[in-house]
Amino acid sequence: KSVNGQLVINLHISVSYGVNISAI
């Protein structure tokens, strides 16, 4: 989405089990 000339991006993902989610 474009809000006031800047972009807002929403991502819905799947990740591998056992990885550090905050690092990803």
PDBML (XML) file of the C-alpha atoms, coordinates in Angstrom:
<?xml version="1.0" encoding="UTF-8" ?>
<PDBx:datablock datablockName="MODEL"
   xmlns:PDBx="http://pdbml.pdb.org/schema/pdbx-v50.xsd"
   xmlns:xsi="http://www.w3.org/2001/XMLSchema-instance"
   xsi:schemaLocation="http://pdbml.pdb.org/schema/pdbx-v50.xsd pdbx-v50.xsd">
   <PDBx:atom_siteCategory>
      <PDBx:atom_site id="1">
         <PDBx:B_iso_or_equiv>0.00</PDBx:B_iso_or_equiv>
         <PDBx:Cartn_x>0.000</PDBx:Cartn_x>
         <PDBx:Cartn_y>0.000</PDBx:Cartn_y>
         <PDBx:Cartn_z>0.000</PDBx:Cartn_z>
         <PDBx:auth_asym_id>A</PDBx:auth_asym_id>
         <PDBx:auth_atom_id>CA</PDBx:auth_atom_id>
         <PDBx:auth_comp_id>LYS</PDBx:auth_comp_id>
         <PDBx:auth_seq_id>1</PDBx:auth_seq_id>
         <PDBx:group_PDB>ATOM</PDBx:group_PDB>
         <PDBx:label_alt_id xsi:nil="true" />
         <PDBx:label_asym_id>A</PDBx:label_asym_id>
         <PDBx:label_atom_id>CA</PDBx:label_atom_id>
         <PDBx:label_comp_id>LYS</PDBx:label_comp_id>
         <PDBx:label_entity_id>1</PDBx:label_entity_id>
         <PDBx:label_seq_id>1</PDBx:label_seq_id>
         <PDBx:occupancy>1.00</PDBx:occupancy>
         <PDBx:pdbx_PDB_model_num>1</PDBx:pdbx_PDB_model_num>
         <PDBx:type_symbol>C</PDBx:type_symbol>
      </PDBx:atom_site>
      <PDBx:atom_site id="2">
         <PDBx:B_iso_or_equiv>0.00</PDBx:B_iso_or_equiv>
         <PDBx:Cartn_x>1.083</PDBx:Cartn_x>
         <PDBx:Cartn_y>3.572</PDBx:Cartn_y>
         <PDBx:Cartn_z>-0.594</PDBx:Cartn_z>
         <PDBx:auth_asym_id>A</PDBx:auth_asym_id>
         <PDBx:auth_atom_id>CA</PDBx:auth_atom_id>
         <PDBx:auth_comp_id>SER</PDBx:auth_comp_id>
         <PDBx:auth_seq_id>2</PDBx:auth_seq_id>
         <PDBx:group_PDB>ATOM</PDBx:group_PDB>
         <PDBx:label_alt_id xsi:nil="true" />
         <PDBx:label_asym_id>A</PDBx:label_asym_id>
         <PDBx:label_atom_id>CA</PDBx:label_atom_id>
         <PDBx:label_comp_id>SER</PDBx:label_comp_id>
         <PDBx:label_entity_id>1</PDBx:label_entity_id>
         <PDBx:label_seq_id>2</PDBx:label_seq_id>
         <PDBx:occupancy>1.00</PDBx:occupancy>
         <PDBx:pdbx_PDB_model_num>1</PDBx:pdbx_PDB_model_num>
         <PDBx:type_symbol>C</PDBx:type_symbol>
      </PDBx:atom_site>
      <PDBx:atom_site id="3">
         <PDBx:B_iso_or_equiv>0.00</PDBx:B_iso_or_equiv>
         <PDBx:Cartn_x>0.497</PDBx:Cartn_x>
         <PDBx:Cartn_y>5.872</PDBx:Cartn_y>
         <PDBx:Cartn_z>2.389</PDBx:Cartn_z>
         <PDBx:auth_asym_id>A</PDBx:auth_asym_id>
         <PDBx:auth_atom_id>CA</PDBx:auth_atom_id>
         <PDBx:auth_comp_id>VAL</PDBx:auth_comp_id>
         <PDBx:auth_seq_id>3</PDBx:auth_seq_id>
         <PDBx:group_PDB>ATOM</PDBx:group_PDB>
         <PDBx:label_alt_id xsi:nil="true" />
         <PDBx:label_asym_id>A</PDBx:label_asym_id>
         <PDBx:label_atom_id>CA</PDBx:label_atom_id>
         <PDBx:label_comp_id>VAL</PDBx:label_comp_id>
         <PDBx:label_entity_id>1</PDBx:label_entity_id>
         <PDBx:label_seq_id>3</PDBx:label_seq_id>
         <PDBx:occupancy>1.00</PDBx:occupancy>
         <PDBx:pdbx_PDB_model_num>1</PDBx:pdbx_PDB_model_num>
         <PDBx:type_symbol>C</PDBx:type_symbol>
      </PDBx:atom_site>
      <PDBx:atom_site id="4">
         <PDBx:B_iso_or_equiv>0.00</PDBx:B_iso_or_equiv>
         <PDBx:Cartn_x>1.556</PDBx:Cartn_x>
         <PDBx:Cartn_y>9.533</PDBx:Cartn_y>
         <PDBx:Cartn_z>2.055</PDBx:Cartn_z>
         <PDBx:auth_asym_id>A</PDBx:auth_asym_id>
         <PDBx:auth_atom_id>CA</PDBx:auth_atom_id>
         <PDBx:auth_comp_id>ASN</PDBx:auth_comp_id>
         <PDBx:auth_seq_id>4</PDBx:auth_seq_id>
         <PDBx:group_PDB>ATOM</PDBx:group_PDB>
         <PDBx:label_alt_id xsi:nil="true" />
         <PDBx:label_asym_id>A</PDBx:label_asym_id>
         <PDBx:label_atom_id>CA</PDBx:label_atom_id>
         <PDBx:label_comp_id>ASN</PDBx:label_comp_id>
         <PDBx:label_entity_id>1</PDBx:label_entity_id>
         <PDBx:label_seq_id>4</PDBx:label_seq_id>
         <PDBx:occupancy>1.00</PDBx:occupancy>
         <PDBx:pdbx_PDB_model_num>1</PDBx:pdbx_PDB_model_num>
         <PDBx:type_symbol>C</PDBx:type_symbol>
      </PDBx:atom_site>
      <PDBx:atom_site id="5">
         <PDBx:B_iso_or_equiv>0.00</PDBx:B_iso_or_equiv>
         <PDBx:Cartn_x>4.094</PDBx:Cartn_x>
         <PDBx:Cartn_y>8.691</PDBx:Cartn_y>
         <PDBx:Cartn_z>-0.640</PDBx:Cartn_z>
         <PDBx:auth_asym_id>A</PDBx:auth_asym_id>
         <PDBx:auth_atom_id>CA</PDBx:auth_atom_id>
         <PDBx:auth_comp_id>GLY</PDBx:auth_comp_id>
         <PDBx:auth_seq_id>5</PDBx:auth_seq_id>
         <PDBx:group_PDB>ATOM</PDBx:group_PDB>
         <PDBx:label_alt_id xsi:nil="true" />
         <PDBx:label_asym_id>A</PDBx:label_asym_id>
         <PDBx:label_atom_id>CA</PDBx:label_atom_id>
         <PDBx:label_comp_id>GLY</PDBx:label_comp_id>
         <PDBx:label_entity_id>1</PDBx:label_entity_id>
         <PDBx:label_seq_id>5</PDBx:label_seq_id>
         <PDBx:occupancy>1.00</PDBx:occupancy>
         <PDBx:pdbx_PDB_model_num>1</PDBx:pdbx_PDB_model_num>
         <PDBx:type_symbol>C</PDBx:type_symbol>
      </PDBx:atom_site>
      <PDBx:atom_site id="6">
         <PDBx:B_iso_or_equiv>0.00</PDBx:B_iso_or_equiv>
         <PDBx:Cartn_x>5.692</PDBx:Cartn_x>
         <PDBx:Cartn_y>5.879</PDBx:Cartn_y>
         <PDBx:Cartn_z>1.360</PDBx:Cartn_z>
         <PDBx:auth_asym_id>A</PDBx:auth_asym_id>
         <PDBx:auth_atom_id>CA</PDBx:auth_atom_id>
         <PDBx:auth_comp_id>GLN</PDBx:auth_comp_id>
         <PDBx:auth_seq_id>6</PDBx:auth_seq_id>
         <PDBx:group_PDB>ATOM</PDBx:group_PDB>
         <PDBx:label_alt_id xsi:nil="true" />
         <PDBx:label_asym_id>A</PDBx:label_asym_id>
         <PDBx:label_atom_id>CA</PDBx:label_atom_id>
         <PDBx:label_comp_id>GLN</PDBx:label_comp_id>
         <PDBx:label_entity_id>1</PDBx:label_entity_id>
         <PDBx:label_seq_id>6</PDBx:label_seq_id>
         <PDBx:occupancy>1.00</PDBx:occupancy>
         <PDBx:pdbx_PDB_model_num>1</PDBx:pdbx_PDB_model_num>
         <PDBx:type_symbol>C</PDBx:type_symbol>
      </PDBx:atom_site>
      <PDBx:atom_site id="7">
         <PDBx:B_iso_or_equiv>0.00</PDBx:B_iso_or_equiv>
         <PDBx:Cartn_x>5.107</PDBx:Cartn_x>
         <PDBx:Cartn_y>2.150</PDBx:Cartn_y>
         <PDBx:Cartn_z>1.069</PDBx:Cartn_z>
         <PDBx:auth_asym_id>A</PDBx:auth_asym_id>
         <PDBx:auth_atom_id>CA</PDBx:auth_atom_id>
         <PDBx:auth_comp_id>LEU</PDBx:auth_comp_id>
         <PDBx:auth_seq_id>7</PDBx:auth_seq_id>
         <PDBx:group_PDB>ATOM</PDBx:group_PDB>
         <PDBx:label_alt_id xsi:nil="true" />
         <PDBx:label_asym_id>A</PDBx:label_asym_id>
         <PDBx:label_atom_id>CA</PDBx:label_atom_id>
         <PDBx:label_comp_id>LEU</PDBx:label_comp_id>
         <PDBx:label_entity_id>1</PDBx:label_entity_id>
         <PDBx:label_seq_id>7</PDBx:label_seq_id>
         <PDBx:occupancy>1.00</PDBx:occupancy>
         <PDBx:pdbx_PDB_model_num>1</PDBx:pdbx_PDB_model_num>
         <PDBx:type_symbol>C</PDBx:type_symbol>
      </PDBx:atom_site>
      <PDBx:atom_site id="8">
         <PDBx:B_iso_or_equiv>0.00</PDBx:B_iso_or_equiv>
         <PDBx:Cartn_x>3.662</PDBx:Cartn_x>
         <PDBx:Cartn_y>-0.157</PDBx:Cartn_y>
         <PDBx:Cartn_z>3.711</PDBx:Cartn_z>
         <PDBx:auth_asym_id>A</PDBx:auth_asym_id>
         <PDBx:auth_atom_id>CA</PDBx:auth_atom_id>
         <PDBx:auth_comp_id>VAL</PDBx:auth_comp_id>
         <PDBx:auth_seq_id>8</PDBx:auth_seq_id>
         <PDBx:group_PDB>ATOM</PDBx:group_PDB>
         <PDBx:label_alt_id xsi:nil="true" />
         <PDBx:label_asym_id>A</PDBx:label_asym_id>
         <PDBx:label_atom_id>CA</PDBx:label_atom_id>
         <PDBx:label_comp_id>VAL</PDBx:label_comp_id>
         <PDBx:label_entity_id>1</PDBx:label_entity_id>
         <PDBx:label_seq_id>8</PDBx:label_seq_id>
         <PDBx:occupancy>1.00</PDBx:occupancy>
         <PDBx:pdbx_PDB_model_num>1</PDBx:pdbx_PDB_model_num>
         <PDBx:type_symbol>C</PDBx:type_symbol>
      </PDBx:atom_site>
      <PDBx:atom_site id="9">
         <PDBx:B_iso_or_equiv>0.00</PDBx:B_iso_or_equiv>
         <PDBx:Cartn_x>4.358</PDBx:Cartn_x>
         <PDBx:Cartn_y>-3.825</PDBx:Cartn_y>
         <PDBx:Cartn_z>2.960</PDBx:Cartn_z>
         <PDBx:auth_asym_id>A</PDBx:auth_asym_id>
         <PDBx:auth_atom_id>CA</PDBx:auth_atom_id>
         <PDBx:auth_comp_id>ILE</PDBx:auth_comp_id>
         <PDBx:auth_seq_id>9</PDBx:auth_seq_id>
         <PDBx:group_PDB>ATOM</PDBx:group_PDB>
         <PDBx:label_alt_id xsi:nil="true" />
         <PDBx:label_asym_id>A</PDBx:label_asym_id>
         <PDBx:label_atom_id>CA</PDBx:label_atom_id>
         <PDBx:label_comp_id>ILE</PDBx:label_comp_id>
         <PDBx:label_entity_id>1</PDBx:label_entity_id>
         <PDBx:label_seq_id>9</PDBx:label_seq_id>
         <PDBx:occupancy>1.00</PDBx:occupancy>
         <PDBx:pdbx_PDB_model_num>1</PDBx:pdbx_PDB_model_num>
         <PDBx:type_symbol>C</PDBx:type_symbol>
      </PDBx:atom_site>
      <PDBx:atom_site id="10">
         <PDBx:B_iso_or_equiv>0.00</PDBx:B_iso_or_equiv>
         <PDBx:Cartn_x>2.610</PDBx:Cartn_x>
         <PDBx:Cartn_y>-6.784</PDBx:Cartn_y>
         <PDBx:Cartn_z>4.625</PDBx:Cartn_z>
         <PDBx:auth_asym_id>A</PDBx:auth_asym_id>
         <PDBx:auth_atom_id>CA</PDBx:auth_atom_id>
         <PDBx:auth_comp_id>ASN</PDBx:auth_comp_id>
         <PDBx:auth_seq_id>10</PDBx:auth_seq_id>
         <PDBx:group_PDB>ATOM</PDBx:group_PDB>
         <PDBx:label_alt_id xsi:nil="true" />
         <PDBx:label_asym_id>A</PDBx:label_asym_id>
         <PDBx:label_atom_id>CA</PDBx:label_atom_id>
         <PDBx:label_comp_id>ASN</PDBx:label_comp_id>
         <PDBx:label_entity_id>1</PDBx:label_entity_id>
         <PDBx:label_seq_id>10</PDBx:label_seq_id>
         <PDBx:occupancy>1.00</PDBx:occupancy>
         <PDBx:pdbx_PDB_model_num>1</PDBx:pdbx_PDB_model_num>
         <PDBx:type_symbol>C</PDBx:type_symbol>
      </PDBx:atom_site>
      <PDBx:atom_site id="11">
         <PDBx:B_iso_or_equiv>0.00</PDBx:B_iso_or_equiv>
         <PDBx:Cartn_x>4.097</PDBx:Cartn_x>
         <PDBx:Cartn_y>-10.269</PDBx:Cartn_y>
         <PDBx:Cartn_z>4.213</PDBx:Cartn_z>
         <PDBx:auth_asym_id>A</PDBx:auth_asym_id>
         <PDBx:auth_atom_id>CA</PDBx:auth_atom_id>
         <PDBx:auth_comp_id>LEU</PDBx:auth_comp_id>
         <PDBx:auth_seq_id>11</PDBx:auth_seq_id>
         <PDBx:group_PDB>ATOM</PDBx:group_PDB>
         <PDBx:label_alt_id xsi:nil="true" />
         <PDBx:label_asym_id>A</PDBx:label_asym_id>
         <PDBx:label_atom_id>CA</PDBx:label_atom_id>
         <PDBx:label_comp_id>LEU</PDBx:label_comp_id>
         <PDBx:label_entity_id>1</PDBx:label_entity_id>
         <PDBx:label_seq_id>11</PDBx:label_seq_id>
         <PDBx:occupancy>1.00</PDBx:occupancy>
         <PDBx:pdbx_PDB_model_num>1</PDBx:pdbx_PDB_model_num>
         <PDBx:type_symbol>C</PDBx:type_symbol>
      </PDBx:atom_site>
      <PDBx:atom_site id="12">
         <PDBx:B_iso_or_equiv>0.00</PDBx:B_iso_or_equiv>
         <PDBx:Cartn_x>2.557</PDBx:Cartn_x>
         <PDBx:Cartn_y>-13.589</PDBx:Cartn_y>
         <PDBx:Cartn_z>5.236</PDBx:Cartn_z>
         <PDBx:auth_asym_id>A</PDBx:auth_asym_id>
         <PDBx:auth_atom_id>CA</PDBx:auth_atom_id>
         <PDBx:auth_comp_id>HIS</PDBx:auth_comp_id>
         <PDBx:auth_seq_id>12</PDBx:auth_seq_id>
         <PDBx:group_PDB>ATOM</PDBx:group_PDB>
         <PDBx:label_alt_id xsi:nil="true" />
         <PDBx:label_asym_id>A</PDBx:label_asym_id>
         <PDBx:label_atom_id>CA</PDBx:label_atom_id>
         <PDBx:label_comp_id>HIS</PDBx:label_comp_id>
         <PDBx:label_entity_id>1</PDBx:label_entity_id>
         <PDBx:label_seq_id>12</PDBx:label_seq_id>
         <PDBx:occupancy>1.00</PDBx:occupancy>
         <PDBx:pdbx_PDB_model_num>1</PDBx:pdbx_PDB_model_num>
         <PDBx:type_symbol>C</PDBx:type_symbol>
      </PDBx:atom_site>
      <PDBx:atom_site id="13">
         <PDBx:B_iso_or_equiv>0.00</PDBx:B_iso_or_equiv>
         <PDBx:Cartn_x>5.196</PDBx:Cartn_x>
         <PDBx:Cartn_y>-16.322</PDBx:Cartn_y>
         <PDBx:Cartn_z>5.232</PDBx:Cartn_z>
         <PDBx:auth_asym_id>A</PDBx:auth_asym_id>
         <PDBx:auth_atom_id>CA</PDBx:auth_atom_id>
         <PDBx:auth_comp_id>ILE</PDBx:auth_comp_id>
         <PDBx:auth_seq_id>13</PDBx:auth_seq_id>
         <PDBx:group_PDB>ATOM</PDBx:group_PDB>
         <PDBx:label_alt_id xsi:nil="true" />
         <PDBx:label_asym_id>A</PDBx:label_asym_id>
         <PDBx:label_atom_id>CA</PDBx:label_atom_id>
         <PDBx:label_comp_id>ILE</PDBx:label_comp_id>
         <PDBx:label_entity_id>1</PDBx:label_entity_id>
         <PDBx:label_seq_id>13</PDBx:label_seq_id>
         <PDBx:occupancy>1.00</PDBx:occupancy>
         <PDBx:pdbx_PDB_model_num>1</PDBx:pdbx_PDB_model_num>
         <PDBx:type_symbol>C</PDBx:type_symbol>
      </PDBx:atom_site>
      <PDBx:atom_site id="14">
         <PDBx:B_iso_or_equiv>0.00</PDBx:B_iso_or_equiv>
         <PDBx:Cartn_x>5.969</PDBx:Cartn_x>
         <PDBx:Cartn_y>-19.847</PDBx:Cartn_y>
         <PDBx:Cartn_z>6.349</PDBx:Cartn_z>
         <PDBx:auth_asym_id>A</PDBx:auth_asym_id>
         <PDBx:auth_atom_id>CA</PDBx:auth_atom_id>
         <PDBx:auth_comp_id>SER</PDBx:auth_comp_id>
         <PDBx:auth_seq_id>14</PDBx:auth_seq_id>
         <PDBx:group_PDB>ATOM</PDBx:group_PDB>
         <PDBx:label_alt_id xsi:nil="true" />
         <PDBx:label_asym_id>A</PDBx:label_asym_id>
         <PDBx:label_atom_id>CA</PDBx:label_atom_id>
         <PDBx:label_comp_id>SER</PDBx:label_comp_id>
         <PDBx:label_entity_id>1</PDBx:label_entity_id>
         <PDBx:label_seq_id>14</PDBx:label_seq_id>
         <PDBx:occupancy>1.00</PDBx:occupancy>
         <PDBx:pdbx_PDB_model_num>1</PDBx:pdbx_PDB_model_num>
         <PDBx:type_symbol>C</PDBx:type_symbol>
      </PDBx:atom_site>
      <PDBx:atom_site id="15">
         <PDBx:B_iso_or_equiv>0.00</PDBx:B_iso_or_equiv>
         <PDBx:Cartn_x>9.297</PDBx:Cartn_x>
         <PDBx:Cartn_y>-20.651</PDBx:Cartn_y>
         <PDBx:Cartn_z>7.980</PDBx:Cartn_z>
         <PDBx:auth_asym_id>A</PDBx:auth_asym_id>
         <PDBx:auth_atom_id>CA</PDBx:auth_atom_id>
         <PDBx:auth_comp_id>VAL</PDBx:auth_comp_id>
         <PDBx:auth_seq_id>15</PDBx:auth_seq_id>
         <PDBx:group_PDB>ATOM</PDBx:group_PDB>
         <PDBx:label_alt_id xsi:nil="true" />
         <PDBx:label_asym_id>A</PDBx:label_asym_id>
         <PDBx:label_atom_id>CA</PDBx:label_atom_id>
         <PDBx:label_comp_id>VAL</PDBx:label_comp_id>
         <PDBx:label_entity_id>1</PDBx:label_entity_id>
         <PDBx:label_seq_id>15</PDBx:label_seq_id>
         <PDBx:occupancy>1.00</PDBx:occupancy>
         <PDBx:pdbx_PDB_model_num>1</PDBx:pdbx_PDB_model_num>
         <PDBx:type_symbol>C</PDBx:type_symbol>
      </PDBx:atom_site>
      <PDBx:atom_site id="16">
         <PDBx:B_iso_or_equiv>0.00</PDBx:B_iso_or_equiv>
         <PDBx:Cartn_x>11.358</PDBx:Cartn_x>
         <PDBx:Cartn_y>-23.746</PDBx:Cartn_y>
         <PDBx:Cartn_z>8.713</PDBx:Cartn_z>
         <PDBx:auth_asym_id>A</PDBx:auth_asym_id>
         <PDBx:auth_atom_id>CA</PDBx:auth_atom_id>
         <PDBx:auth_comp_id>SER</PDBx:auth_comp_id>
         <PDBx:auth_seq_id>16</PDBx:auth_seq_id>
         <PDBx:group_PDB>ATOM</PDBx:group_PDB>
         <PDBx:label_alt_id xsi:nil="true" />
         <PDBx:label_asym_id>A</PDBx:label_asym_id>
         <PDBx:label_atom_id>CA</PDBx:label_atom_id>
         <PDBx:label_comp_id>SER</PDBx:label_comp_id>
         <PDBx:label_entity_id>1</PDBx:label_entity_id>
         <PDBx:label_seq_id>16</PDBx:label_seq_id>
         <PDBx:occupancy>1.00</PDBx:occupancy>
         <PDBx:pdbx_PDB_model_num>1</PDBx:pdbx_PDB_model_num>
         <PDBx:type_symbol>C</PDBx:type_symbol>
      </PDBx:atom_site>
      <PDBx:atom_site id="17">
         <PDBx:B_iso_or_equiv>0.00</PDBx:B_iso_or_equiv>
         <PDBx:Cartn_x>11.073</PDBx:Cartn_x>
         <PDBx:Cartn_y>-25.418</PDBx:Cartn_y>
         <PDBx:Cartn_z>12.081</PDBx:Cartn_z>
         <PDBx:auth_asym_id>A</PDBx:auth_asym_id>
         <PDBx:auth_atom_id>CA</PDBx:auth_atom_id>
         <PDBx:auth_comp_id>TYR</PDBx:auth_comp_id>
         <PDBx:auth_seq_id>17</PDBx:auth_seq_id>
         <PDBx:group_PDB>ATOM</PDBx:group_PDB>
         <PDBx:label_alt_id xsi:nil="true" />
         <PDBx:label_asym_id>A</PDBx:label_asym_id>
         <PDBx:label_atom_id>CA</PDBx:label_atom_id>
         <PDBx:label_comp_id>TYR</PDBx:label_comp_id>
         <PDBx:label_entity_id>1</PDBx:label_entity_id>
         <PDBx:label_seq_id>17</PDBx:label_seq_id>
         <PDBx:occupancy>1.00</PDBx:occupancy>
         <PDBx:pdbx_PDB_model_num>1</PDBx:pdbx_PDB_model_num>
         <PDBx:type_symbol>C</PDBx:type_symbol>
      </PDBx:atom_site>
      <PDBx:atom_site id="18">
         <PDBx:B_iso_or_equiv>0.00</PDBx:B_iso_or_equiv>
         <PDBx:Cartn_x>14.002</PDBx:Cartn_x>
         <PDBx:Cartn_y>-24.782</PDBx:Cartn_y>
         <PDBx:Cartn_z>14.422</PDBx:Cartn_z>
         <PDBx:auth_asym_id>A</PDBx:auth_asym_id>
         <PDBx:auth_atom_id>CA</PDBx:auth_atom_id>
         <PDBx:auth_comp_id>GLY</PDBx:auth_comp_id>
         <PDBx:auth_seq_id>18</PDBx:auth_seq_id>
         <PDBx:group_PDB>ATOM</PDBx:group_PDB>
         <PDBx:label_alt_id xsi:nil="true" />
         <PDBx:label_asym_id>A</PDBx:label_asym_id>
         <PDBx:label_atom_id>CA</PDBx:label_atom_id>
         <PDBx:label_comp_id>GLY</PDBx:label_comp_id>
         <PDBx:label_entity_id>1</PDBx:label_entity_id>
         <PDBx:label_seq_id>18</PDBx:label_seq_id>
         <PDBx:occupancy>1.00</PDBx:occupancy>
         <PDBx:pdbx_PDB_model_num>1</PDBx:pdbx_PDB_model_num>
         <PDBx:type_symbol>C</PDBx:type_symbol>
      </PDBx:atom_site>
      <PDBx:atom_site id="19">
         <PDBx:B_iso_or_equiv>0.00</PDBx:B_iso_or_equiv>
         <PDBx:Cartn_x>15.223</PDBx:Cartn_x>
         <PDBx:Cartn_y>-21.466</PDBx:Cartn_y>
         <PDBx:Cartn_z>13.060</PDBx:Cartn_z>
         <PDBx:auth_asym_id>A</PDBx:auth_asym_id>
         <PDBx:auth_atom_id>CA</PDBx:auth_atom_id>
         <PDBx:auth_comp_id>VAL</PDBx:auth_comp_id>
         <PDBx:auth_seq_id>19</PDBx:auth_seq_id>
         <PDBx:group_PDB>ATOM</PDBx:group_PDB>
         <PDBx:label_alt_id xsi:nil="true" />
         <PDBx:label_asym_id>A</PDBx:label_asym_id>
         <PDBx:label_atom_id>CA</PDBx:label_atom_id>
         <PDBx:label_comp_id>VAL</PDBx:label_comp_id>
         <PDBx:label_entity_id>1</PDBx:label_entity_id>
         <PDBx:label_seq_id>19</PDBx:label_seq_id>
         <PDBx:occupancy>1.00</PDBx:occupancy>
         <PDBx:pdbx_PDB_model_num>1</PDBx:pdbx_PDB_model_num>
         <PDBx:type_symbol>C</PDBx:type_symbol>
      </PDBx:atom_site>
      <PDBx:atom_site id="20">
         <PDBx:B_iso_or_equiv>0.00</PDBx:B_iso_or_equiv>
         <PDBx:Cartn_x>15.458</PDBx:Cartn_x>
         <PDBx:Cartn_y>-18.215</PDBx:Cartn_y>
         <PDBx:Cartn_z>14.992</PDBx:Cartn_z>
         <PDBx:auth_asym_id>A</PDBx:auth_asym_id>
         <PDBx:auth_atom_id>CA</PDBx:auth_atom_id>
         <PDBx:auth_comp_id>ASN</PDBx:auth_comp_id>
         <PDBx:auth_seq_id>20</PDBx:auth_seq_id>
         <PDBx:group_PDB>ATOM</PDBx:group_PDB>
         <PDBx:label_alt_id xsi:nil="true" />
         <PDBx:label_asym_id>A</PDBx:label_asym_id>
         <PDBx:label_atom_id>CA</PDBx:label_atom_id>
         <PDBx:label_comp_id>ASN</PDBx:label_comp_id>
         <PDBx:label_entity_id>1</PDBx:label_entity_id>
         <PDBx:label_seq_id>20</PDBx:label_seq_id>
         <PDBx:occupancy>1.00</PDBx:occupancy>
         <PDBx:pdbx_PDB_model_num>1</PDBx:pdbx_PDB_model_num>
         <PDBx:type_symbol>C</PDBx:type_symbol>
      </PDBx:atom_site>
      <PDBx:atom_site id="21">
         <PDBx:B_iso_or_equiv>0.00</PDBx:B_iso_or_equiv>
         <PDBx:Cartn_x>12.280</PDBx:Cartn_x>
         <PDBx:Cartn_y>-16.381</PDBx:Cartn_y>
         <PDBx:Cartn_z>13.981</PDBx:Cartn_z>
         <PDBx:auth_asym_id>A</PDBx:auth_asym_id>
         <PDBx:auth_atom_id>CA</PDBx:auth_atom_id>
         <PDBx:auth_comp_id>ILE</PDBx:auth_comp_id>
         <PDBx:auth_seq_id>21</PDBx:auth_seq_id>
         <PDBx:group_PDB>ATOM</PDBx:group_PDB>
         <PDBx:label_alt_id xsi:nil="true" />
         <PDBx:label_asym_id>A</PDBx:label_asym_id>
         <PDBx:label_atom_id>CA</PDBx:label_atom_id>
         <PDBx:label_comp_id>ILE</PDBx:label_comp_id>
         <PDBx:label_entity_id>1</PDBx:label_entity_id>
         <PDBx:label_seq_id>21</PDBx:label_seq_id>
         <PDBx:occupancy>1.00</PDBx:occupancy>
         <PDBx:pdbx_PDB_model_num>1</PDBx:pdbx_PDB_model_num>
         <PDBx:type_symbol>C</PDBx:type_symbol>
      </PDBx:atom_site>
      <PDBx:atom_site id="22">
         <PDBx:B_iso_or_equiv>0.00</PDBx:B_iso_or_equiv>
         <PDBx:Cartn_x>13.425</PDBx:Cartn_x>
         <PDBx:Cartn_y>-12.929</PDBx:Cartn_y>
         <PDBx:Cartn_z>15.086</PDBx:Cartn_z>
         <PDBx:auth_asym_id>A</PDBx:auth_asym_id>
         <PDBx:auth_atom_id>CA</PDBx:auth_atom_id>
         <PDBx:auth_comp_id>SER</PDBx:auth_comp_id>
         <PDBx:auth_seq_id>22</PDBx:auth_seq_id>
         <PDBx:group_PDB>ATOM</PDBx:group_PDB>
         <PDBx:label_alt_id xsi:nil="true" />
         <PDBx:label_asym_id>A</PDBx:label_asym_id>
         <PDBx:label_atom_id>CA</PDBx:label_atom_id>
         <PDBx:label_comp_id>SER</PDBx:label_comp_id>
         <PDBx:label_entity_id>1</PDBx:label_entity_id>
         <PDBx:label_seq_id>22</PDBx:label_seq_id>
         <PDBx:occupancy>1.00</PDBx:occupancy>
         <PDBx:pdbx_PDB_model_num>1</PDBx:pdbx_PDB_model_num>
         <PDBx:type_symbol>C</PDBx:type_symbol>
      </PDBx:atom_site>
      <PDBx:atom_site id="23">
         <PDBx:B_iso_or_equiv>0.00</PDBx:B_iso_or_equiv>
         <PDBx:Cartn_x>16.607</PDBx:Cartn_x>
         <PDBx:Cartn_y>-13.281</PDBx:Cartn_y>
         <PDBx:Cartn_z>13.009</PDBx:Cartn_z>
         <PDBx:auth_asym_id>A</PDBx:auth_asym_id>
         <PDBx:auth_atom_id>CA</PDBx:auth_atom_id>
         <PDBx:auth_comp_id>ALA</PDBx:auth_comp_id>
         <PDBx:auth_seq_id>23</PDBx:auth_seq_id>
         <PDBx:group_PDB>ATOM</PDBx:group_PDB>
         <PDBx:label_alt_id xsi:nil="true" />
         <PDBx:label_asym_id>A</PDBx:label_asym_id>
         <PDBx:label_atom_id>CA</PDBx:label_atom_id>
         <PDBx:label_comp_id>ALA</PDBx:label_comp_id>
         <PDBx:label_entity_id>1</PDBx:label_entity_id>
         <PDBx:label_seq_id>23</PDBx:label_seq_id>
         <PDBx:occupancy>1.00</PDBx:occupancy>
         <PDBx:pdbx_PDB_model_num>1</PDBx:pdbx_PDB_model_num>
         <PDBx:type_symbol>C</PDBx:type_symbol>
      </PDBx:atom_site>
      <PDBx:atom_site id="24">
         <PDBx:B_iso_or_equiv>0.00</PDBx:B_iso_or_equiv>
         <PDBx:Cartn_x>14.571</PDBx:Cartn_x>
         <PDBx:Cartn_y>-14.347</PDBx:Cartn_y>
         <PDBx:Cartn_z>9.970</PDBx:Cartn_z>
         <PDBx:auth_asym_id>A</PDBx:auth_asym_id>
         <PDBx:auth_atom_id>CA</PDBx:auth_atom_id>
         <PDBx:auth_comp_id>ILE</PDBx:auth_comp_id>
         <PDBx:auth_seq_id>24</PDBx:auth_seq_id>
         <PDBx:group_PDB>ATOM</PDBx:group_PDB>
         <PDBx:label_alt_id xsi:nil="true" />
         <PDBx:label_asym_id>A</PDBx:label_asym_id>
         <PDBx:label_atom_id>CA</PDBx:label_atom_id>
         <PDBx:label_comp_id>ILE</PDBx:label_comp_id>
         <PDBx:label_entity_id>1</PDBx:label_entity_id>
         <PDBx:label_seq_id>24</PDBx:label_seq_id>
         <PDBx:occupancy>1.00</PDBx:occupancy>
         <PDBx:pdbx_PDB_model_num>1</PDBx:pdbx_PDB_model_num>
         <PDBx:type_symbol>C</PDBx:type_symbol>
      </PDBx:atom_site>
   </PDBx:atom_siteCategory>
</PDBx:datablock>
